[in-house]
Amino acid sequence: MGNIVVLSFVYLVGIGLLLIFNELVYRRLNPTGEITRKFAHFVSVLATVPFPYIFPSHWYILVLALLFATILFITRNGKQLKSIHDVKRKSIGSYLLPLSIYITFLISNLTENKFIYILPMLILAISDPMAAILGINIKAYNGRIKLFGKKLNKTWLGSGAFLASSFVISIIALYFHRGVFDLKTFWLAMAVAATTMFAELISWRGSDNLSIPLSAVLILVLFL
């Protein structure tokens, strides 16, 4: 119990230092808010991947998620954390991120399968920022995707990068989890990649922070 409380405090301090560093970079080097926001997303989500091996109960994650969400809410309309909040588009993604981490951990905890948490978080940490940064910054030969006649706020390059990176992450993770590279490893990795890519494609205002991991969880619960 004592060690877990200490580790929880360490995570809080670590996330706090990350936010401070991110804010200093934003104010000194003046990158766009999208870049610093995605950097914080990448590092913070990646740091949560070991959670199933550290915290035995979802209650610890709930407390951490509530604290993080409270900080984001308090700083939303102030001068703090512009590196997170200074984006032109309307987004609720920063609020959905702690909720997403908690729900995914809860399902993993209830099913007693750590992998159900780990793979979705890896995809959320790596593939989502990669898709966003490539989609925003590379304009040549990178048009927006049309779906059912409606032009989405997603690009071919961004979604393609998401699909490819998600597939690579999934097939490597599934190989180590299952201990064998067979047809099931391949098609399950492809199913996870395609489903999470589609979830990211149709999401709006940052809801992909929730839809990406939950769509991966659905595939893993059904077919793993």
C-alpha atoms as a PDB file:
ATOM      1  CA  MET A   1       0.000   0.000   0.000  1.00  0.00           C
ATOM      2  CA  GLY A   2       2.731   2.455   0.994  1.00  0.00           C
ATOM      3  CA  ASN A   3       4.798   1.749  -2.108  1.00  0.00           C
ATOM      4  CA  ILE A   4       1.786   2.271  -4.360  1.00  0.00           C
ATOM      5  CA  VAL A   5       1.017   5.643  -2.768  1.00  0.00           C
ATOM      6  CA  VAL A   6       4.651   6.678  -3.281  1.00  0.00           C
ATOM      7  CA  LEU A   7       4.506   5.584  -6.933  1.00  0.00           C
ATOM      8  CA  SER A   8       1.263   7.520  -7.395  1.00  0.00           C
ATOM      9  CA  PHE A   9       2.984  10.608  -6.016  1.00  0.00           C
ATOM     10  CA  VAL A  10       5.949  10.007  -8.330  1.00  0.00           C
ATOM     11  CA  TYR A  11       3.618   9.875 -11.325  1.00  0.00           C
ATOM     12  CA  LEU A  12       1.924  13.101 -10.264  1.00  0.00           C
ATOM     13  CA  VAL A  13       5.279  14.835  -9.893  1.00  0.00           C
ATOM     14  CA  GLY A  14       6.450  13.425 -13.224  1.00  0.00           C
ATOM     15  CA  ILE A  15       3.359  14.641 -15.079  1.00  0.00           C
ATOM     16  CA  GLY A  16       3.708  18.011 -13.366  1.00  0.00           C
ATOM     17  CA  LEU A  17       7.330  18.330 -14.507  1.00  0.00           C
ATOM     18  CA  LEU A  18       6.316  17.324 -18.029  1.00  0.00           C
ATOM     19  CA  LEU A  19       3.665  20.054 -18.140  1.00  0.00           C
ATOM     20  CA  ILE A  20       6.125  22.640 -16.821  1.00  0.00           C
ATOM     21  CA  PHE A  21       8.761  21.618 -19.375  1.00  0.00           C
ATOM     22  CA  ASN A  22       6.189  21.669 -22.150  1.00  0.00           C
ATOM     23  CA  GLU A  23       5.047  25.138 -21.101  1.00  0.00           C
ATOM     24  CA  LEU A  24       8.612  26.476 -21.028  1.00  0.00           C
ATOM     25  CA  VAL A  25       9.281  25.102 -24.507  1.00  0.00           C
ATOM     26  CA  TYR A  26       6.056  26.704 -25.751  1.00  0.00           C
ATOM     27  CA  ARG A  27       6.925  30.115 -24.285  1.00  0.00           C
ATOM     28  CA  ARG A  28      10.623  30.161 -25.181  1.00  0.00           C
ATOM     29  CA  LEU A  29      10.676  28.490 -28.605  1.00  0.00           C
ATOM     30  CA  ASN A  30       7.144  29.456 -29.664  1.00  0.00           C
ATOM     31  CA  PRO A  31       6.087  26.290 -31.512  1.00  0.00           C
ATOM     32  CA  THR A  32       2.423  25.879 -32.365  1.00  0.00           C
ATOM     33  CA  GLY A  33       0.067  24.699 -29.663  1.00  0.00           C
ATOM     34  CA  GLU A  34      -0.677  21.587 -31.714  1.00  0.00           C
ATOM     35  CA  ILE A  35       2.965  20.467 -31.500  1.00  0.00           C
ATOM     36  CA  THR A  36       3.364  20.968 -27.748  1.00  0.00           C
ATOM     37  CA  ARG A  37      -0.054  19.464 -27.117  1.00  0.00           C
ATOM     38  CA  LYS A  38       0.820  16.324 -29.069  1.00  0.00           C
ATOM     39  CA  PHE A  39       4.223  16.072 -27.386  1.00  0.00           C
ATOM     40  CA  ALA A  40       2.554  16.141 -23.958  1.00  0.00           C
ATOM     41  CA  HIS A  41       0.026  13.587 -25.204  1.00  0.00           C
ATOM     42  CA  PHE A  42       2.755  11.237 -26.433  1.00  0.00           C
ATOM     43  CA  VAL A  43       4.894  11.361 -23.284  1.00  0.00           C
ATOM     44  CA  SER A  44       2.070  11.288 -20.743  1.00  0.00           C
ATOM     45  CA  VAL A  45       0.168   8.390 -22.349  1.00  0.00           C
ATOM     46  CA  LEU A  46       3.357   6.400 -22.921  1.00  0.00           C
ATOM     47  CA  ALA A  47       4.201   6.867 -19.243  1.00  0.00           C
ATOM     48  CA  THR A  48       0.921   5.170 -18.276  1.00  0.00           C
ATOM     49  CA  VAL A  49       1.659   1.940 -20.185  1.00  0.00           C
ATOM     50  CA  PRO A  50       3.196   0.201 -17.088  1.00  0.00           C
ATOM     51  CA  PHE A  51       0.119   0.994 -14.958  1.00  0.00           C
ATOM     52  CA  PRO A  52      -1.205  -2.621 -14.909  1.00  0.00           C
ATOM     53  CA  TYR A  53       2.099  -3.801 -13.442  1.00  0.00           C
ATOM     54  CA  ILE A  54       2.147  -1.078 -10.782  1.00  0.00           C
ATOM     55  CA  PHE A  55      -1.403  -0.496  -9.595  1.00  0.00           C
ATOM     56  CA  PRO A  56      -3.488  -3.489  -8.441  1.00  0.00           C
ATOM     57  CA  SER A  57      -6.784  -1.582  -8.370  1.00  0.00           C
ATOM     58  CA  HIS A  58      -8.548   0.830 -10.695  1.00  0.00           C
ATOM     59  CA  TRP A  59      -9.242   3.179  -7.776  1.00  0.00           C
ATOM     60  CA  TYR A  60      -5.687   4.505  -7.890  1.00  0.00           C
ATOM     61  CA  ILE A  61      -6.080   5.323 -11.571  1.00  0.00           C
ATOM     62  CA  LEU A  62      -9.420   7.014 -10.889  1.00  0.00           C
ATOM     63  CA  VAL A  63      -7.810   9.352  -8.351  1.00  0.00           C
ATOM     64  CA  LEU A  64      -4.946  10.197 -10.725  1.00  0.00           C
ATOM     65  CA  ALA A  65      -7.384  10.768 -13.599  1.00  0.00           C
ATOM     66  CA  LEU A  66      -9.589  13.069 -11.511  1.00  0.00           C
ATOM     67  CA  LEU A  67      -6.598  15.108 -10.354  1.00  0.00           C
ATOM     68  CA  PHE A  68      -5.301  15.495 -13.904  1.00  0.00           C
ATOM     69  CA  ALA A  69      -8.766  16.427 -15.235  1.00  0.00           C
ATOM     70  CA  THR A  70      -9.160  19.000 -12.448  1.00  0.00           C
ATOM     71  CA  ILE A  71      -5.836  20.637 -13.340  1.00  0.00           C
ATOM     72  CA  LEU A  72      -6.852  20.859 -16.996  1.00  0.00           C
ATOM     73  CA  PHE A  73     -10.239  22.328 -16.107  1.00  0.00           C
ATOM     74  CA  ILE A  74      -8.790  24.951 -13.781  1.00  0.00           C
ATOM     75  CA  THR A  75      -6.182  26.076 -16.310  1.00  0.00           C
ATOM     76  CA  ARG A  76      -8.542  26.051 -19.292  1.00  0.00           C
ATOM     77  CA  ASN A  77      -9.456  29.749 -19.217  1.00  0.00           C
ATOM     78  CA  GLY A  78      -6.341  31.060 -17.489  1.00  0.00           C
ATOM     79  CA  LYS A  79      -2.842  31.896 -18.657  1.00  0.00           C
ATOM     80  CA  GLN A  80      -1.413  28.585 -17.510  1.00  0.00           C
ATOM     81  CA  LEU A  81      -0.810  25.592 -19.765  1.00  0.00           C
ATOM     82  CA  LYS A  82      -1.219  27.455 -23.040  1.00  0.00           C
ATOM     83  CA  SER A  83       0.962  24.690 -24.469  1.00  0.00           C
ATOM     84  CA  ILE A  84      -2.041  22.386 -24.000  1.00  0.00           C
ATOM     85  CA  HIS A  85      -5.008  24.682 -24.517  1.00  0.00           C
ATOM     86  CA  ASP A  86      -3.781  26.990 -27.285  1.00  0.00           C
ATOM     87  CA  VAL A  87      -5.270  25.265 -30.321  1.00  0.00           C
ATOM     88  CA  LYS A  88      -7.499  26.892 -32.923  1.00  0.00           C
ATOM     89  CA  ARG A  89      -9.939  24.007 -33.168  1.00  0.00           C
ATOM     90  CA  LYS A  90     -12.517  23.250 -30.502  1.00  0.00           C
ATOM     91  CA  SER A  91     -11.454  20.121 -28.629  1.00  0.00           C
ATOM     92  CA  ILE A  92     -12.507  18.157 -25.579  1.00  0.00           C
ATOM     93  CA  GLY A  93      -9.673  15.693 -26.075  1.00  0.00           C
ATOM     94  CA  SER A  94      -7.643  16.820 -23.074  1.00  0.00           C
ATOM     95  CA  TYR A  95     -10.602  16.100 -20.775  1.00  0.00           C
ATOM     96  CA  LEU A  96     -11.366  12.772 -22.413  1.00  0.00           C
ATOM     97  CA  LEU A  97      -7.775  11.535 -22.098  1.00  0.00           C
ATOM     98  CA  PRO A  98      -7.819  10.827 -18.323  1.00  0.00           C
ATOM     99  CA  LEU A  99     -11.297   9.298 -18.711  1.00  0.00           C
ATOM    100  CA  SER A 100     -10.013   7.103 -21.524  1.00  0.00           C
ATOM    101  CA  ILE A 101      -7.037   5.905 -19.478  1.00  0.00           C
ATOM    102  CA  TYR A 102      -9.280   5.076 -16.526  1.00  0.00           C
ATOM    103  CA  ILE A 103     -11.954   3.214 -18.515  1.00  0.00           C
ATOM    104  CA  THR A 104      -9.382   1.185 -20.437  1.00  0.00           C
ATOM    105  CA  PHE A 105      -7.568   0.301 -17.224  1.00  0.00           C
ATOM    106  CA  LEU A 106     -10.873  -0.634 -15.552  1.00  0.00           C
ATOM    107  CA  ILE A 107     -11.791  -3.053 -18.353  1.00  0.00           C
ATOM    108  CA  SER A 108      -8.292  -4.542 -18.273  1.00  0.00           C
ATOM    109  CA  ASN A 109      -8.508  -4.898 -14.499  1.00  0.00           C
ATOM    110  CA  LEU A 110     -11.922  -6.538 -14.591  1.00  0.00           C
ATOM    111  CA  THR A 111     -10.915  -8.988 -17.329  1.00  0.00           C
ATOM    112  CA  GLU A 112      -7.590  -9.639 -15.563  1.00  0.00           C
ATOM    113  CA  ASN A 113      -5.737  -9.120 -18.828  1.00  0.00           C
ATOM    114  CA  LYS A 114      -3.023  -6.456 -18.753  1.00  0.00           C
ATOM    115  CA  PHE A 115      -2.587  -6.590 -22.526  1.00  0.00           C
ATOM    116  CA  ILE A 116      -6.078  -5.161 -23.036  1.00  0.00           C
ATOM    117  CA  TYR A 117      -4.768  -1.949 -21.498  1.00  0.00           C
ATOM    118  CA  ILE A 118      -1.231  -1.925 -22.862  1.00  0.00           C
ATOM    119  CA  LEU A 119      -1.870  -2.207 -26.613  1.00  0.00           C
ATOM    120  CA  PRO A 120      -4.618   0.457 -26.806  1.00  0.00           C
ATOM    121  CA  MET A 121      -2.420   2.875 -24.839  1.00  0.00           C
ATOM    122  CA  LEU A 122       0.556   2.268 -27.122  1.00  0.00           C
ATOM    123  CA  ILE A 123      -1.587   3.034 -30.163  1.00  0.00           C
ATOM    124  CA  LEU A 124      -3.081   6.117 -28.520  1.00  0.00           C
ATOM    125  CA  ALA A 125       0.378   7.355 -27.472  1.00  0.00           C
ATOM    126  CA  ILE A 126       2.165   6.823 -30.787  1.00  0.00           C
ATOM    127  CA  SER A 127      -0.242   6.544 -33.725  1.00  0.00           C
ATOM    128  CA  ASP A 128      -2.582   9.380 -32.801  1.00  0.00           C
ATOM    129  CA  PRO A 129       0.087  12.127 -32.497  1.00  0.00           C
ATOM    130  CA  MET A 130       1.868  10.801 -35.593  1.00  0.00           C
ATOM    131  CA  ALA A 131      -1.303  11.065 -37.662  1.00  0.00           C
ATOM    132  CA  ALA A 132      -2.079  14.548 -36.370  1.00  0.00           C
ATOM    133  CA  ILE A 133       1.396  16.013 -36.900  1.00  0.00           C
ATOM    134  CA  LEU A 134       1.822  14.568 -40.397  1.00  0.00           C
ATOM    135  CA  GLY A 135      -1.696  15.532 -41.380  1.00  0.00           C
ATOM    136  CA  ILE A 136      -1.257  19.123 -40.217  1.00  0.00           C
ATOM    137  CA  ASN A 137       2.275  19.853 -41.407  1.00  0.00           C
ATOM    138  CA  ILE A 138       2.542  18.074 -44.760  1.00  0.00           C
ATOM    139  CA  LYS A 139       0.323  19.666 -47.384  1.00  0.00           C
ATOM    140  CA  ALA A 140       1.682  18.335 -50.687  1.00  0.00           C
ATOM    141  CA  TYR A 141      -0.261  15.352 -52.084  1.00  0.00           C
ATOM    142  CA  ASN A 142      -2.207  15.197 -48.846  1.00  0.00           C
ATOM    143  CA  GLY A 143      -5.862  15.990 -49.412  1.00  0.00           C
ATOM    144  CA  ARG A 144      -8.698  15.689 -46.967  1.00  0.00           C
ATOM    145  CA  ILE A 145     -10.686  12.455 -46.924  1.00  0.00           C
ATOM    146  CA  LYS A 146     -14.261  12.338 -48.177  1.00  0.00           C
ATOM    147  CA  LEU A 147     -16.659   9.875 -46.563  1.00  0.00           C
ATOM    148  CA  PHE A 148     -20.190   9.449 -47.952  1.00  0.00           C
ATOM    149  CA  GLY A 149     -19.750  12.684 -49.863  1.00  0.00           C
ATOM    150  CA  LYS A 150     -18.689  14.675 -46.798  1.00  0.00           C
ATOM    151  CA  LYS A 151     -15.191  16.083 -46.515  1.00  0.00           C
ATOM    152  CA  LEU A 152     -13.707  15.176 -43.133  1.00  0.00           C
ATOM    153  CA  ASN A 153     -11.084  17.077 -41.179  1.00  0.00           C
ATOM    154  CA  LYS A 154      -8.678  14.178 -41.739  1.00  0.00           C
ATOM    155  CA  THR A 155      -6.029  13.695 -44.416  1.00  0.00           C
ATOM    156  CA  TRP A 156      -4.915  10.700 -46.444  1.00  0.00           C
ATOM    157  CA  LEU A 157      -1.371  10.921 -45.157  1.00  0.00           C
ATOM    158  CA  GLY A 158      -2.446  11.281 -41.538  1.00  0.00           C
ATOM    159  CA  SER A 159      -4.844   8.333 -41.653  1.00  0.00           C
ATOM    160  CA  GLY A 160      -2.357   6.251 -43.651  1.00  0.00           C
ATOM    161  CA  ALA A 161       0.352   6.927 -41.068  1.00  0.00           C
ATOM    162  CA  PHE A 162      -2.070   5.980 -38.311  1.00  0.00           C
ATOM    163  CA  LEU A 163      -2.996   2.701 -40.003  1.00  0.00           C
ATOM    164  CA  ALA A 164       0.603   1.709 -40.726  1.00  0.00           C
ATOM    165  CA  SER A 165       1.971   2.593 -37.291  1.00  0.00           C
ATOM    166  CA  SER A 166      -0.981   1.007 -35.506  1.00  0.00           C
ATOM    167  CA  PHE A 167      -0.486  -2.207 -37.474  1.00  0.00           C
ATOM    168  CA  VAL A 168       3.255  -2.345 -36.716  1.00  0.00           C
ATOM    169  CA  ILE A 169       2.657  -1.686 -33.004  1.00  0.00           C
ATOM    170  CA  SER A 170      -0.121  -4.277 -32.864  1.00  0.00           C
ATOM    171  CA  ILE A 171       1.718  -7.056 -34.663  1.00  0.00           C
ATOM    172  CA  ILE A 172       4.845  -6.639 -32.506  1.00  0.00           C
ATOM    173  CA  ALA A 173       2.841  -6.425 -29.280  1.00  0.00           C
ATOM    174  CA  LEU A 174       0.648  -9.410 -30.210  1.00  0.00           C
ATOM    175  CA  TYR A 175       3.701 -11.469 -31.113  1.00  0.00           C
ATOM    176  CA  PHE A 176       5.258 -10.892 -27.694  1.00  0.00           C
ATOM    177  CA  HIS A 177       1.923 -11.413 -25.942  1.00  0.00           C
ATOM    178  CA  ARG A 178       0.954 -14.629 -27.735  1.00  0.00           C
ATOM    179  CA  GLY A 179       4.492 -15.939 -28.174  1.00  0.00           C
ATOM    180  CA  VAL A 180       3.849 -16.980 -31.764  1.00  0.00           C
ATOM    181  CA  PHE A 181       3.654 -15.299 -35.167  1.00  0.00           C
ATOM    182  CA  ASP A 182       0.802 -16.967 -37.031  1.00  0.00           C
ATOM    183  CA  LEU A 183      -2.216 -16.052 -39.140  1.00  0.00           C
ATOM    184  CA  LYS A 184      -4.218 -15.010 -36.073  1.00  0.00           C
ATOM    185  CA  THR A 185      -1.471 -12.608 -34.990  1.00  0.00           C
ATOM    186  CA  PHE A 186      -1.528 -11.043 -38.458  1.00  0.00           C
ATOM    187  CA  TRP A 187      -5.287 -10.677 -38.926  1.00  0.00           C
ATOM    188  CA  LEU A 188      -5.850  -9.571 -35.344  1.00  0.00           C
ATOM    189  CA  ALA A 189      -3.187  -6.856 -35.739  1.00  0.00           C
ATOM    190  CA  MET A 190      -4.824  -5.753 -38.968  1.00  0.00           C
ATOM    191  CA  ALA A 191      -8.274  -5.734 -37.331  1.00  0.00           C
ATOM    192  CA  VAL A 192      -7.006  -3.584 -34.452  1.00  0.00           C
ATOM    193  CA  ALA A 193      -5.229  -1.218 -36.849  1.00  0.00           C
ATOM    194  CA  ALA A 194      -8.200  -0.830 -39.200  1.00  0.00           C
ATOM    195  CA  THR A 195     -10.719  -0.392 -36.392  1.00  0.00           C
ATOM    196  CA  THR A 196      -8.684   2.191 -34.513  1.00  0.00           C
ATOM    197  CA  MET A 197      -7.926   4.052 -37.740  1.00  0.00           C
ATOM    198  CA  PHE A 198     -11.641   4.216 -38.560  1.00  0.00           C
ATOM    199  CA  ALA A 199     -12.399   5.356 -35.000  1.00  0.00           C
ATOM    200  CA  GLU A 200      -9.854   8.148 -35.402  1.00  0.00           C
ATOM    201  CA  LEU A 201     -11.224   9.002 -38.839  1.00  0.00           C
ATOM    202  CA  ILE A 202     -14.816   9.612 -37.737  1.00  0.00           C
ATOM    203  CA  SER A 203     -14.028  11.219 -34.389  1.00  0.00           C
ATOM    204  CA  TRP A 204     -14.380  14.948 -33.890  1.00  0.00           C
ATOM    205  CA  ARG A 205     -13.290  17.572 -31.362  1.00  0.00           C
ATOM    206  CA  GLY A 206     -10.750  15.269 -29.750  1.00  0.00           C
ATOM    207  CA  SER A 207     -13.136  12.397 -29.072  1.00  0.00           C
ATOM    208  CA  ASP A 208     -10.554  10.068 -30.649  1.00  0.00           C
ATOM    209  CA  ASN A 209      -8.779  10.068 -27.278  1.00  0.00           C
ATOM    210  CA  LEU A 210     -11.669   7.903 -26.133  1.00  0.00           C
ATOM    211  CA  SER A 211     -12.760   6.145 -29.326  1.00  0.00           C
ATOM    212  CA  ILE A 212      -9.288   4.888 -30.312  1.00  0.00           C
ATOM    213  CA  PRO A 213      -8.496   2.862 -27.169  1.00  0.00           C
ATOM    214  CA  LEU A 214     -12.067   1.649 -26.694  1.00  0.00           C
ATOM    215  CA  SER A 215     -12.287   0.384 -30.278  1.00  0.00           C
ATOM    216  CA  ALA A 216      -9.012  -1.495 -29.735  1.00  0.00           C
ATOM    217  CA  VAL A 217     -10.362  -2.893 -26.458  1.00  0.00           C
ATOM    218  CA  LEU A 218     -13.479  -4.126 -28.267  1.00  0.00           C
ATOM    219  CA  ILE A 219     -11.471  -6.083 -30.837  1.00  0.00           C
ATOM    220  CA  LEU A 220      -9.179  -7.584 -28.190  1.00  0.00           C
ATOM    221  CA  VAL A 221     -12.042  -8.607 -25.896  1.00  0.00           C
ATOM    222  CA  LEU A 222     -13.924 -10.233 -28.772  1.00  0.00           C
ATOM    223  CA  PHE A 223     -11.115 -12.015 -30.583  1.00  0.00           C
ATOM    224  CA  LEU A 224      -7.959 -12.277 -28.460  1.00  0.00           C
END
